[in-house]
Amino acid sequence: TPGMADLFVCGEDLLPQAQKAGNSIALKNLISLPEMTEKLKGA
């Protein structure tokens, strides 16, 4: 729900729903630690 978090993290396929809820980052590979780290650095 909107406001339940300051940042939402999901797969690319769910990014439109995440963006409706708030600030979001999407992952190409859900289990990639390097990708998660890079996206969080940006956030």
PDB file of all heavy atoms in Angstrom:
ATOM      1  N   THR A   1       0.849  -1.185   0.000  1.00  0.00           N
ATOM      2  CA  THR A   1       0.000   0.000   0.000  1.00  0.00           C
ATOM      3  C   THR A   1       0.888   1.239   0.000  1.00  0.00           C
ATOM      4  O   THR A   1       1.995   1.204   0.545  1.00  0.00           O
ATOM      5  CB  THR A   1      -0.925   0.045   1.238  1.00  0.00           C
ATOM      6  OG1 THR A   1      -0.111  -0.013   2.416  1.00  0.00           O
ATOM      7  CG2 THR A   1      -1.906  -1.105   1.237  1.00  0.00           C
ATOM      8  N   PRO A   2       0.408   2.320  -0.592  1.00  0.00           N
ATOM      9  CA  PRO A   2       1.202   3.550  -0.589  1.00  0.00           C
ATOM     10  C   PRO A   2       1.548   3.972   0.835  1.00  0.00           C
ATOM     11  O   PRO A   2       0.717   3.887   1.741  1.00  0.00           O
ATOM     12  CB  PRO A   2       0.274   4.573  -1.250  1.00  0.00           C
ATOM     13  CG  PRO A   2      -0.626   3.745  -2.123  1.00  0.00           C
ATOM     14  CD  PRO A   2      -0.826   2.467  -1.350  1.00  0.00           C
ATOM     15  N   GLY A   3       2.799   4.367   1.029  1.00  0.00           N
ATOM     16  CA  GLY A   3       3.234   4.843   2.331  1.00  0.00           C
ATOM     17  C   GLY A   3       3.685   3.780   3.307  1.00  0.00           C
ATOM     18  O   GLY A   3       4.175   4.115   4.378  1.00  0.00           O
ATOM     19  N   MET A   4       3.552   2.500   2.950  1.00  0.00           N
ATOM     20  CA  MET A   4       3.959   1.455   3.896  1.00  0.00           C
ATOM     21  C   MET A   4       5.479   1.304   3.966  1.00  0.00           C
ATOM     22  O   MET A   4       5.987   0.655   4.883  1.00  0.00           O
ATOM     23  CB  MET A   4       3.298   0.110   3.588  1.00  0.00           C
ATOM     24  CG  MET A   4       3.855  -0.648   2.407  1.00  0.00           C
ATOM     25  SD  MET A   4       3.015  -2.222   2.060  1.00  0.00           S
ATOM     26  CE  MET A   4       3.508  -3.226   3.442  1.00  0.00           C
ATOM     27  N   ALA A   5       6.186   1.908   3.021  1.00  0.00           N
ATOM     28  CA  ALA A   5       7.649   1.846   3.006  1.00  0.00           C
ATOM     29  C   ALA A   5       8.189   3.098   2.337  1.00  0.00           C
ATOM     30  O   ALA A   5       7.476   3.770   1.587  1.00  0.00           O
ATOM     31  CB  ALA A   5       8.123   0.602   2.265  1.00  0.00           C
ATOM     32  N   ASP A   6       9.447   3.382   2.607  1.00  0.00           N
ATOM     33  CA  ASP A   6      10.116   4.503   1.961  1.00  0.00           C
ATOM     34  C   ASP A   6      10.675   4.100   0.603  1.00  0.00           C
ATOM     35  O   ASP A   6      10.938   4.943  -0.248  1.00  0.00           O
ATOM     36  CB  ASP A   6      11.258   5.012   2.846  1.00  0.00           C
ATOM     37  CG  ASP A   6      10.756   5.441   4.217  1.00  0.00           C
ATOM     38  OD1 ASP A   6       9.774   6.207   4.282  1.00  0.00           O
ATOM     39  OD2 ASP A   6      11.341   4.986   5.221  1.00  0.00           O
ATOM     40  N   LEU A   7      10.875   2.777   0.427  1.00  0.00           N
ATOM     41  CA  LEU A   7      11.398   2.253  -0.833  1.00  0.00           C
ATOM     42  C   LEU A   7      10.840   0.853  -1.053  1.00  0.00           C
ATOM     43  O   LEU A   7      10.839   0.037  -0.127  1.00  0.00           O
ATOM     44  CB  LEU A   7      12.935   2.205  -0.801  1.00  0.00           C
ATOM     45  CG  LEU A   7      13.631   1.682  -2.058  1.00  0.00           C
ATOM     46  CD1 LEU A   7      13.446   2.653  -3.232  1.00  0.00           C
ATOM     47  CD2 LEU A   7      15.118   1.468  -1.805  1.00  0.00           C
ATOM     48  N   PHE A   8      10.381   0.598  -2.258  1.00  0.00           N
ATOM     49  CA  PHE A   8       9.900  -0.724  -2.635  1.00  0.00           C
ATOM     50  C   PHE A   8      10.893  -1.353  -3.597  1.00  0.00           C
ATOM     51  O   PHE A   8      11.440  -0.675  -4.476  1.00  0.00           O
ATOM     52  CB  PHE A   8       8.527  -0.641  -3.315  1.00  0.00           C
ATOM     53  CG  PHE A   8       7.437  -0.163  -2.400  1.00  0.00           C
ATOM     54  CD1 PHE A   8       7.117   1.185  -2.305  1.00  0.00           C
ATOM     55  CD2 PHE A   8       6.734  -1.059  -1.603  1.00  0.00           C
ATOM     56  CE1 PHE A   8       6.124   1.640  -1.449  1.00  0.00           C
ATOM     57  CE2 PHE A   8       5.738  -0.621  -0.738  1.00  0.00           C
ATOM     58  CZ  PHE A   8       5.435   0.733  -0.662  1.00  0.00           C
ATOM     59  N   VAL A   9      11.135  -2.674  -3.431  1.00  0.00           N
ATOM     60  CA  VAL A   9      12.036  -3.414  -4.302  1.00  0.00           C
ATOM     61  C   VAL A   9      11.260  -4.582  -4.887  1.00  0.00           C
ATOM     62  O   VAL A   9      10.607  -5.334  -4.161  1.00  0.00           O
ATOM     63  CB  VAL A   9      13.265  -3.952  -3.521  1.00  0.00           C
ATOM     64  CG1 VAL A   9      14.192  -4.729  -4.447  1.00  0.00           C
ATOM     65  CG2 VAL A   9      14.010  -2.821  -2.830  1.00  0.00           C
ATOM     66  N   CYS A  10      11.344  -4.727  -6.230  1.00  0.00           N
ATOM     67  CA  CYS A  10      10.594  -5.801  -6.897  1.00  0.00           C
ATOM     68  C   CYS A  10      11.291  -6.163  -8.197  1.00  0.00           C
ATOM     69  O   CYS A  10      12.292  -5.564  -8.570  1.00  0.00           O
ATOM     70  CB  CYS A  10       9.164  -5.334  -7.182  1.00  0.00           C
ATOM     71  SG  CYS A  10       9.072  -3.906  -8.276  1.00  0.00           S
ATOM     72  N   GLY A  11      10.726  -7.139  -8.888  1.00  0.00           N
ATOM     73  CA  GLY A  11      11.208  -7.488 -10.216  1.00  0.00           C
ATOM     74  C   GLY A  11      10.703  -6.462 -11.223  1.00  0.00           C
ATOM     75  O   GLY A  11       9.718  -5.758 -10.975  1.00  0.00           O
ATOM     76  N   GLU A  12      11.384  -6.385 -12.359  1.00  0.00           N
ATOM     77  CA  GLU A  12      11.004  -5.405 -13.380  1.00  0.00           C
ATOM     78  C   GLU A  12       9.547  -5.525 -13.808  1.00  0.00           C
ATOM     79  O   GLU A  12       8.907  -4.530 -14.131  1.00  0.00           O
ATOM     80  CB  GLU A  12      11.914  -5.531 -14.600  1.00  0.00           C
ATOM     81  CG  GLU A  12      13.309  -5.024 -14.348  1.00  0.00           C
ATOM     82  CD  GLU A  12      14.178  -5.045 -15.587  1.00  0.00           C
ATOM     83  OE1 GLU A  12      13.967  -5.906 -16.467  1.00  0.00           O
ATOM     84  OE2 GLU A  12      15.086  -4.190 -15.668  1.00  0.00           O
ATOM     85  N   ASP A  13       9.026  -6.746 -13.812  1.00  0.00           N
ATOM     86  CA  ASP A  13       7.644  -6.957 -14.257  1.00  0.00           C
ATOM     87  C   ASP A  13       6.614  -6.296 -13.344  1.00  0.00           C
ATOM     88  O   ASP A  13       5.507  -5.988 -13.772  1.00  0.00           O
ATOM     89  CB  ASP A  13       7.346  -8.451 -14.391  1.00  0.00           C
ATOM     90  CG  ASP A  13       7.570  -9.224 -13.097  1.00  0.00           C
ATOM     91  OD1 ASP A  13       8.487  -8.864 -12.326  1.00  0.00           O
ATOM     92  OD2 ASP A  13       6.832 -10.190 -12.854  1.00  0.00           O
ATOM     93  N   LEU A  14       6.981  -6.049 -12.089  1.00  0.00           N
ATOM     94  CA  LEU A  14       6.035  -5.461 -11.134  1.00  0.00           C
ATOM     95  C   LEU A  14       6.305  -3.983 -10.847  1.00  0.00           C
ATOM     96  O   LEU A  14       5.629  -3.382 -10.012  1.00  0.00           O
ATOM     97  CB  LEU A  14       6.065  -6.251  -9.822  1.00  0.00           C
ATOM     98  CG  LEU A  14       5.688  -7.731  -9.930  1.00  0.00           C
ATOM     99  CD1 LEU A  14       5.804  -8.413  -8.579  1.00  0.00           C
ATOM    100  CD2 LEU A  14       4.301  -7.907 -10.502  1.00  0.00           C
ATOM    101  N   LEU A  15       7.265  -3.390 -11.559  1.00  0.00           N
ATOM    102  CA  LEU A  15       7.618  -1.999 -11.291  1.00  0.00           C
ATOM    103  C   LEU A  15       6.438  -1.026 -11.416  1.00  0.00           C
ATOM    104  O   LEU A  15       6.305  -0.144 -10.564  1.00  0.00           O
ATOM    105  CB  LEU A  15       8.780  -1.550 -12.181  1.00  0.00           C
ATOM    106  CG  LEU A  15       9.318  -0.137 -11.893  1.00  0.00           C
ATOM    107  CD1 LEU A  15       9.817  -0.018 -10.456  1.00  0.00           C
ATOM    108  CD2 LEU A  15      10.412   0.231 -12.880  1.00  0.00           C
ATOM    109  N   PRO A  16       5.570  -1.148 -12.410  1.00  0.00           N
ATOM    110  CA  PRO A  16       4.448  -0.190 -12.474  1.00  0.00           C
ATOM    111  C   PRO A  16       3.584  -0.191 -11.204  1.00  0.00           C
ATOM    112  O   PRO A  16       3.176   0.874 -10.733  1.00  0.00           O
ATOM    113  CB  PRO A  16       3.644  -0.667 -13.687  1.00  0.00           C
ATOM    114  CG  PRO A  16       4.645  -1.371 -14.541  1.00  0.00           C
ATOM    115  CD  PRO A  16       5.589  -2.039 -13.569  1.00  0.00           C
ATOM    116  N   GLN A  17       3.333  -1.362 -10.630  1.00  0.00           N
ATOM    117  CA  GLN A  17       2.557  -1.431  -9.391  1.00  0.00           C
ATOM    118  C   GLN A  17       3.335  -0.818  -8.234  1.00  0.00           C
ATOM    119  O   GLN A  17       2.776  -0.129  -7.392  1.00  0.00           O
ATOM    120  CB  GLN A  17       2.174  -2.880  -9.057  1.00  0.00           C
ATOM    121  CG  GLN A  17       1.179  -3.490 -10.010  1.00  0.00           C
ATOM    122  CD  GLN A  17       1.837  -4.234 -11.161  1.00  0.00           C
ATOM    123  OE1 GLN A  17       2.875  -3.854 -11.684  1.00  0.00           O
ATOM    124  NE2 GLN A  17       1.221  -5.318 -11.588  1.00  0.00           N
ATOM    125  N   ALA A  18       4.642  -1.063  -8.197  1.00  0.00           N
ATOM    126  CA  ALA A  18       5.474  -0.521  -7.124  1.00  0.00           C
ATOM    127  C   ALA A  18       5.496   1.000  -7.179  1.00  0.00           C
ATOM    128  O   ALA A  18       5.410   1.669  -6.150  1.00  0.00           O
ATOM    129  CB  ALA A  18       6.892  -1.079  -7.227  1.00  0.00           C
ATOM    130  N   GLN A  19       5.606   1.551  -8.375  1.00  0.00           N
ATOM    131  CA  GLN A  19       5.676   3.005  -8.518  1.00  0.00           C
ATOM    132  C   GLN A  19       4.393   3.680  -8.056  1.00  0.00           C
ATOM    133  O   GLN A  19       4.426   4.815  -7.595  1.00  0.00           O
ATOM    134  CB  GLN A  19       6.005   3.376  -9.964  1.00  0.00           C
ATOM    135  CG  GLN A  19       7.438   3.023 -10.312  1.00  0.00           C
ATOM    136  CD  GLN A  19       7.763   3.222 -11.780  1.00  0.00           C
ATOM    137  OE1 GLN A  19       6.919   3.042 -12.647  1.00  0.00           O
ATOM    138  NE2 GLN A  19       9.004   3.587 -12.049  1.00  0.00           N
ATOM    139  N   LYS A  20       3.275   2.997  -8.142  1.00  0.00           N
ATOM    140  CA  LYS A  20       2.017   3.543  -7.633  1.00  0.00           C
ATOM    141  C   LYS A  20       2.054   3.657  -6.109  1.00  0.00           C
ATOM    142  O   LYS A  20       1.374   4.497  -5.520  1.00  0.00           O
ATOM    143  CB  LYS A  20       0.831   2.663  -8.048  1.00  0.00           C
ATOM    144  CG  LYS A  20       0.525   2.715  -9.525  1.00  0.00           C
ATOM    145  CD  LYS A  20      -0.595   1.749  -9.877  1.00  0.00           C
ATOM    146  CE  LYS A  20      -0.743   1.630 -11.379  1.00  0.00           C
ATOM    147  NZ  LYS A  20      -1.646   0.545 -11.761  1.00  0.00           N
ATOM    148  N   ALA A  21       2.848   2.803  -5.465  1.00  0.00           N
ATOM    149  CA  ALA A  21       2.922   2.783  -4.000  1.00  0.00           C
ATOM    150  C   ALA A  21       3.977   3.740  -3.458  1.00  0.00           C
ATOM    151  O   ALA A  21       3.899   4.147  -2.303  1.00  0.00           O
ATOM    152  CB  ALA A  21       3.197   1.366  -3.509  1.00  0.00           C
ATOM    153  N   GLY A  22       4.973   4.091  -4.277  1.00  0.00           N
ATOM    154  CA  GLY A  22       6.012   4.998  -3.801  1.00  0.00           C
ATOM    155  C   GLY A  22       7.328   4.808  -4.522  1.00  0.00           C
ATOM    156  O   GLY A  22       7.379   4.196  -5.590  1.00  0.00           O
ATOM    157  N   ASN A  23       8.415   5.319  -3.928  1.00  0.00           N
ATOM    158  CA  ASN A  23       9.746   5.187  -4.506  1.00  0.00           C
ATOM    159  C   ASN A  23      10.074   3.714  -4.678  1.00  0.00           C
ATOM    160  O   ASN A  23       9.855   2.916  -3.763  1.00  0.00           O
ATOM    161  CB  ASN A  23      10.799   5.849  -3.601  1.00  0.00           C
ATOM    162  CG  ASN A  23      10.644   7.347  -3.556  1.00  0.00           C
ATOM    163  OD1 ASN A  23      10.246   7.972  -4.532  1.00  0.00           O
ATOM    164  ND2 ASN A  23      10.948   7.930  -2.415  1.00  0.00           N
ATOM    165  N   SER A  24      10.610   3.359  -5.848  1.00  0.00           N
ATOM    166  CA  SER A  24      10.799   1.950  -6.174  1.00  0.00           C
ATOM    167  C   SER A  24      12.068   1.719  -6.975  1.00  0.00           C
ATOM    168  O   SER A  24      12.489   2.584  -7.735  1.00  0.00           O
ATOM    169  CB  SER A  24       9.625   1.452  -7.020  1.00  0.00           C
ATOM    170  OG  SER A  24       8.400   1.800  -6.441  1.00  0.00           O
ATOM    171  N   ILE A  25      12.617   0.523  -6.792  1.00  0.00           N
ATOM    172  CA  ILE A  25      13.684   0.048  -7.667  1.00  0.00           C
ATOM    173  C   ILE A  25      13.297  -1.343  -8.143  1.00  0.00           C
ATOM    174  O   ILE A  25      12.657  -2.100  -7.424  1.00  0.00           O
ATOM    175  CB  ILE A  25      15.069   0.039  -6.993  1.00  0.00           C
ATOM    176  CG1 ILE A  25      15.083  -0.793  -5.706  1.00  0.00           C
ATOM    177  CG2 ILE A  25      15.554   1.453  -6.712  1.00  0.00           C
ATOM    178  CD1 ILE A  25      16.470  -0.946  -5.084  1.00  0.00           C
ATOM    179  N   ALA A  26      13.676  -1.647  -9.374  1.00  0.00           N
ATOM    180  CA  ALA A  26      13.340  -2.946  -9.965  1.00  0.00           C
ATOM    181  C   ALA A  26      14.622  -3.694 -10.306  1.00  0.00           C
ATOM    182  O   ALA A  26      15.609  -3.097 -10.728  1.00  0.00           O
ATOM    183  CB  ALA A  26      12.503  -2.749 -11.219  1.00  0.00           C
ATOM    184  N   LEU A  27      14.567  -4.996 -10.122  1.00  0.00           N
ATOM    185  CA  LEU A  27      15.709  -5.864 -10.407  1.00  0.00           C
ATOM    186  C   LEU A  27      15.438  -6.717 -11.637  1.00  0.00           C
ATOM    187  O   LEU A  27      14.337  -7.243 -11.795  1.00  0.00           O
ATOM    188  CB  LEU A  27      15.977  -6.778  -9.213  1.00  0.00           C
ATOM    189  CG  LEU A  27      16.191  -6.103  -7.860  1.00  0.00           C
ATOM    190  CD1 LEU A  27      16.291  -7.156  -6.764  1.00  0.00           C
ATOM    191  CD2 LEU A  27      17.433  -5.235  -7.881  1.00  0.00           C
ATOM    192  N   LYS A  28      16.461  -6.851 -12.496  1.00  0.00           N
ATOM    193  CA  LYS A  28      16.370  -7.782 -13.626  1.00  0.00           C
ATOM    194  C   LYS A  28      16.481  -9.210 -13.099  1.00  0.00           C
ATOM    195  O   LYS A  28      15.771 -10.095 -13.515  1.00  0.00           O
ATOM    196  CB  LYS A  28      17.504  -7.536 -14.616  1.00  0.00           C
ATOM    197  CG  LYS A  28      17.366  -6.321 -15.496  1.00  0.00           C
ATOM    198  CD  LYS A  28      18.544  -6.272 -16.456  1.00  0.00           C
ATOM    199  CE  LYS A  28      18.581  -5.179 -17.463  1.00  0.00           C
ATOM    200  NZ  LYS A  28      18.090  -3.885 -17.124  1.00  0.00           N
ATOM    201  N   ASN A  29      17.423  -9.412 -12.157  1.00  0.00           N
ATOM    202  CA  ASN A  29      17.678 -10.723 -11.565  1.00  0.00           C
ATOM    203  C   ASN A  29      17.360 -10.630 -10.073  1.00  0.00           C
ATOM    204  O   ASN A  29      18.126 -10.029  -9.319  1.00  0.00           O
ATOM    205  CB  ASN A  29      19.129 -11.123 -11.799  1.00  0.00           C
ATOM    206  CG  ASN A  29      19.473 -12.468 -11.202  1.00  0.00           C
ATOM    207  OD1 ASN A  29      18.719 -13.034 -10.407  1.00  0.00           O
ATOM    208  ND2 ASN A  29      20.619 -13.000 -11.581  1.00  0.00           N
ATOM    209  N   LEU A  30      16.267 -11.216  -9.667  1.00  0.00           N
ATOM    210  CA  LEU A  30      15.782 -11.070  -8.299  1.00  0.00           C
ATOM    211  C   LEU A  30      16.764 -11.542  -7.235  1.00  0.00           C
ATOM    212  O   LEU A  30      16.721 -11.081  -6.109  1.00  0.00           O
ATOM    213  CB  LEU A  30      14.460 -11.818  -8.117  1.00  0.00           C
ATOM    214  CG  LEU A  30      13.294 -11.355  -8.984  1.00  0.00           C
ATOM    215  CD1 LEU A  30      12.045 -12.167  -8.663  1.00  0.00           C
ATOM    216  CD2 LEU A  30      13.017  -9.883  -8.807  1.00  0.00           C
ATOM    217  N   ILE A  31      17.634 -12.487  -7.584  1.00  0.00           N
ATOM    218  CA  ILE A  31      18.535 -13.038  -6.573  1.00  0.00           C
ATOM    219  C   ILE A  31      19.980 -12.564  -6.729  1.00  0.00           C
ATOM    220  O   ILE A  31      20.883 -13.113  -6.121  1.00  0.00           O
ATOM    221  CB  ILE A  31      18.474 -14.581  -6.547  1.00  0.00           C
ATOM    222  CG1 ILE A  31      18.855 -15.164  -7.893  1.00  0.00           C
ATOM    223  CG2 ILE A  31      17.092 -15.046  -6.100  1.00  0.00           C
ATOM    224  CD1 ILE A  31      19.035 -16.675  -7.883  1.00  0.00           C
ATOM    225  N   SER A  32      20.188 -11.513  -7.521  1.00  0.00           N
ATOM    226  CA  SER A  32      21.541 -10.999  -7.741  1.00  0.00           C
ATOM    227  C   SER A  32      21.929  -9.999  -6.653  1.00  0.00           C
ATOM    228  O   SER A  32      21.391  -8.889  -6.600  1.00  0.00           O
ATOM    229  CB  SER A  32      21.626 -10.327  -9.114  1.00  0.00           C
ATOM    230  OG  SER A  32      22.835  -9.604  -9.225  1.00  0.00           O
ATOM    231  N   LEU A  33      22.875 -10.388  -5.799  1.00  0.00           N
ATOM    232  CA  LEU A  33      23.361  -9.482  -4.760  1.00  0.00           C
ATOM    233  C   LEU A  33      24.091  -8.281  -5.369  1.00  0.00           C
ATOM    234  O   LEU A  33      23.862  -7.152  -4.930  1.00  0.00           O
ATOM    235  CB  LEU A  33      24.250 -10.240  -3.762  1.00  0.00           C
ATOM    236  CG  LEU A  33      24.810  -9.416  -2.596  1.00  0.00           C
ATOM    237  CD1 LEU A  33      23.710  -8.735  -1.802  1.00  0.00           C
ATOM    238  CD2 LEU A  33      25.667 -10.302  -1.699  1.00  0.00           C
ATOM    239  N   PRO A  34      24.937  -8.474  -6.394  1.00  0.00           N
ATOM    240  CA  PRO A  34      25.590  -7.295  -6.989  1.00  0.00           C
ATOM    241  C   PRO A  34      24.584  -6.286  -7.557  1.00  0.00           C
ATOM    242  O   PRO A  34      24.757  -5.078  -7.394  1.00  0.00           O
ATOM    243  CB  PRO A  34      26.470  -7.891  -8.100  1.00  0.00           C
ATOM    244  CG  PRO A  34      26.735  -9.294  -7.642  1.00  0.00           C
ATOM    245  CD  PRO A  34      25.474  -9.728  -6.934  1.00  0.00           C
ATOM    246  N   GLU A  35      23.541  -6.771  -8.218  1.00  0.00           N
ATOM    247  CA  GLU A  35      22.541  -5.855  -8.770  1.00  0.00           C
ATOM    248  C   GLU A  35      21.800  -5.134  -7.637  1.00  0.00           C
ATOM    249  O   GLU A  35      21.573  -3.921  -7.708  1.00  0.00           O
ATOM    250  CB  GLU A  35      21.541  -6.593  -9.666  1.00  0.00           C
ATOM    251  CG  GLU A  35      20.544  -5.639 -10.297  1.00  0.00           C
ATOM    252  CD  GLU A  35      19.495  -6.313 -11.164  1.00  0.00           C
ATOM    253  OE1 GLU A  35      19.475  -7.565 -11.259  1.00  0.00           O
ATOM    254  OE2 GLU A  35      18.663  -5.582 -11.729  1.00  0.00           O
ATOM    255  N   MET A  36      21.426  -5.858  -6.598  1.00  0.00           N
ATOM    256  CA  MET A  36      20.751  -5.250  -5.453  1.00  0.00           C
ATOM    257  C   MET A  36      21.630  -4.149  -4.856  1.00  0.00           C
ATOM    258  O   MET A  36      21.166  -3.043  -4.572  1.00  0.00           O
ATOM    259  CB  MET A  36      20.438  -6.308  -4.387  1.00  0.00           C
ATOM    260  CG  MET A  36      19.832  -5.753  -3.105  1.00  0.00           C
ATOM    261  SD  MET A  36      18.139  -5.164  -3.256  1.00  0.00           S
ATOM    262  CE  MET A  36      17.252  -6.735  -3.194  1.00  0.00           C
ATOM    263  N   THR A  37      22.912  -4.447  -4.685  1.00  0.00           N
ATOM    264  CA  THR A  37      23.844  -3.479  -4.100  1.00  0.00           C
ATOM    265  C   THR A  37      23.925  -2.220  -4.961  1.00  0.00           C
ATOM    266  O   THR A  37      23.860  -1.099  -4.437  1.00  0.00           O
ATOM    267  CB  THR A  37      25.229  -4.119  -3.917  1.00  0.00           C
ATOM    268  OG1 THR A  37      25.102  -5.305  -3.116  1.00  0.00           O
ATOM    269  CG2 THR A  37      26.205  -3.164  -3.248  1.00  0.00           C
ATOM    270  N   GLU A  38      24.050  -2.399  -6.269  1.00  0.00           N
ATOM    271  CA  GLU A  38      24.148  -1.246  -7.178  1.00  0.00           C
ATOM    272  C   GLU A  38      22.876  -0.397  -7.137  1.00  0.00           C
ATOM    273  O   GLU A  38      22.940   0.831  -7.097  1.00  0.00           O
ATOM    274  CB  GLU A  38      24.415  -1.701  -8.612  1.00  0.00           C
ATOM    275  CG  GLU A  38      25.865  -2.011  -8.888  1.00  0.00           C
ATOM    276  CD  GLU A  38      26.792  -0.848  -8.546  1.00  0.00           C
ATOM    277  OE1 GLU A  38      26.584   0.280  -9.030  1.00  0.00           O
ATOM    278  OE2 GLU A  38      27.749  -1.072  -7.774  1.00  0.00           O
ATOM    279  N   LYS A  39      21.708  -1.058  -7.158  1.00  0.00           N
ATOM    280  CA  LYS A  39      20.440  -0.313  -7.147  1.00  0.00           C
ATOM    281  C   LYS A  39      20.260   0.434  -5.819  1.00  0.00           C
ATOM    282  O   LYS A  39      19.777   1.560  -5.798  1.00  0.00           O
ATOM    283  CB  LYS A  39      19.258  -1.260  -7.394  1.00  0.00           C
ATOM    284  CG  LYS A  39      19.269  -1.923  -8.771  1.00  0.00           C
ATOM    285  CD  LYS A  39      18.780  -1.002  -9.861  1.00  0.00           C
ATOM    286  CE  LYS A  39      18.912  -1.575 -11.253  1.00  0.00           C
ATOM    287  NZ  LYS A  39      17.829  -2.387 -11.705  1.00  0.00           N
ATOM    288  N   LEU A  40      20.659  -0.187  -4.709  1.00  0.00           N
ATOM    289  CA  LEU A  40      20.544   0.485  -3.411  1.00  0.00           C
ATOM    290  C   LEU A  40      21.514   1.667  -3.311  1.00  0.00           C
ATOM    291  O   LEU A  40      21.189   2.692  -2.733  1.00  0.00           O
ATOM    292  CB  LEU A  40      20.774  -0.498  -2.266  1.00  0.00           C
ATOM    293  CG  LEU A  40      19.633  -1.482  -2.030  1.00  0.00           C
ATOM    294  CD1 LEU A  40      20.017  -2.494  -0.965  1.00  0.00           C
ATOM    295  CD2 LEU A  40      18.350  -0.772  -1.635  1.00  0.00           C
ATOM    296  N   LYS A  41      22.714   1.506  -3.903  1.00  0.00           N
ATOM    297  CA  LYS A  41      23.654   2.626  -3.929  1.00  0.00           C
ATOM    298  C   LYS A  41      22.993   3.839  -4.570  1.00  0.00           C
ATOM    299  O   LYS A  41      23.096   4.956  -4.070  1.00  0.00           O
ATOM    300  CB  LYS A  41      24.895   2.254  -4.771  1.00  0.00           C
ATOM    301  CG  LYS A  41      26.021   1.672  -4.021  1.00  0.00           C
ATOM    302  CD  LYS A  41      27.155   1.450  -5.027  1.00  0.00           C
ATOM    303  CE  LYS A  41      28.461   1.170  -4.381  1.00  0.00           C
ATOM    304  NZ  LYS A  41      29.491   0.846  -5.359  1.00  0.00           N
ATOM    305  N   GLY A  42      22.322   3.603  -5.685  1.00  0.00           N
ATOM    306  CA  GLY A  42      21.636   4.686  -6.375  1.00  0.00           C
ATOM    307  C   GLY A  42      20.503   5.267  -5.533  1.00  0.00           C
ATOM    308  O   GLY A  42      20.347   6.493  -5.452  1.00  0.00           O
ATOM    309  N   ALA A  43      19.723   4.403  -4.912  1.00  0.00           N
ATOM    310  CA  ALA A  43      18.580   4.855  -4.114  1.00  0.00           C
ATOM    311  C   ALA A  43      19.023   5.696  -2.925  1.00  0.00           C
ATOM    312  O   ALA A  43      18.339   6.636  -2.530  1.00  0.00           O
ATOM    313  CB  ALA A  43      17.756   3.649  -3.644  1.00  0.00           C
TER     314      ALA A  43
END
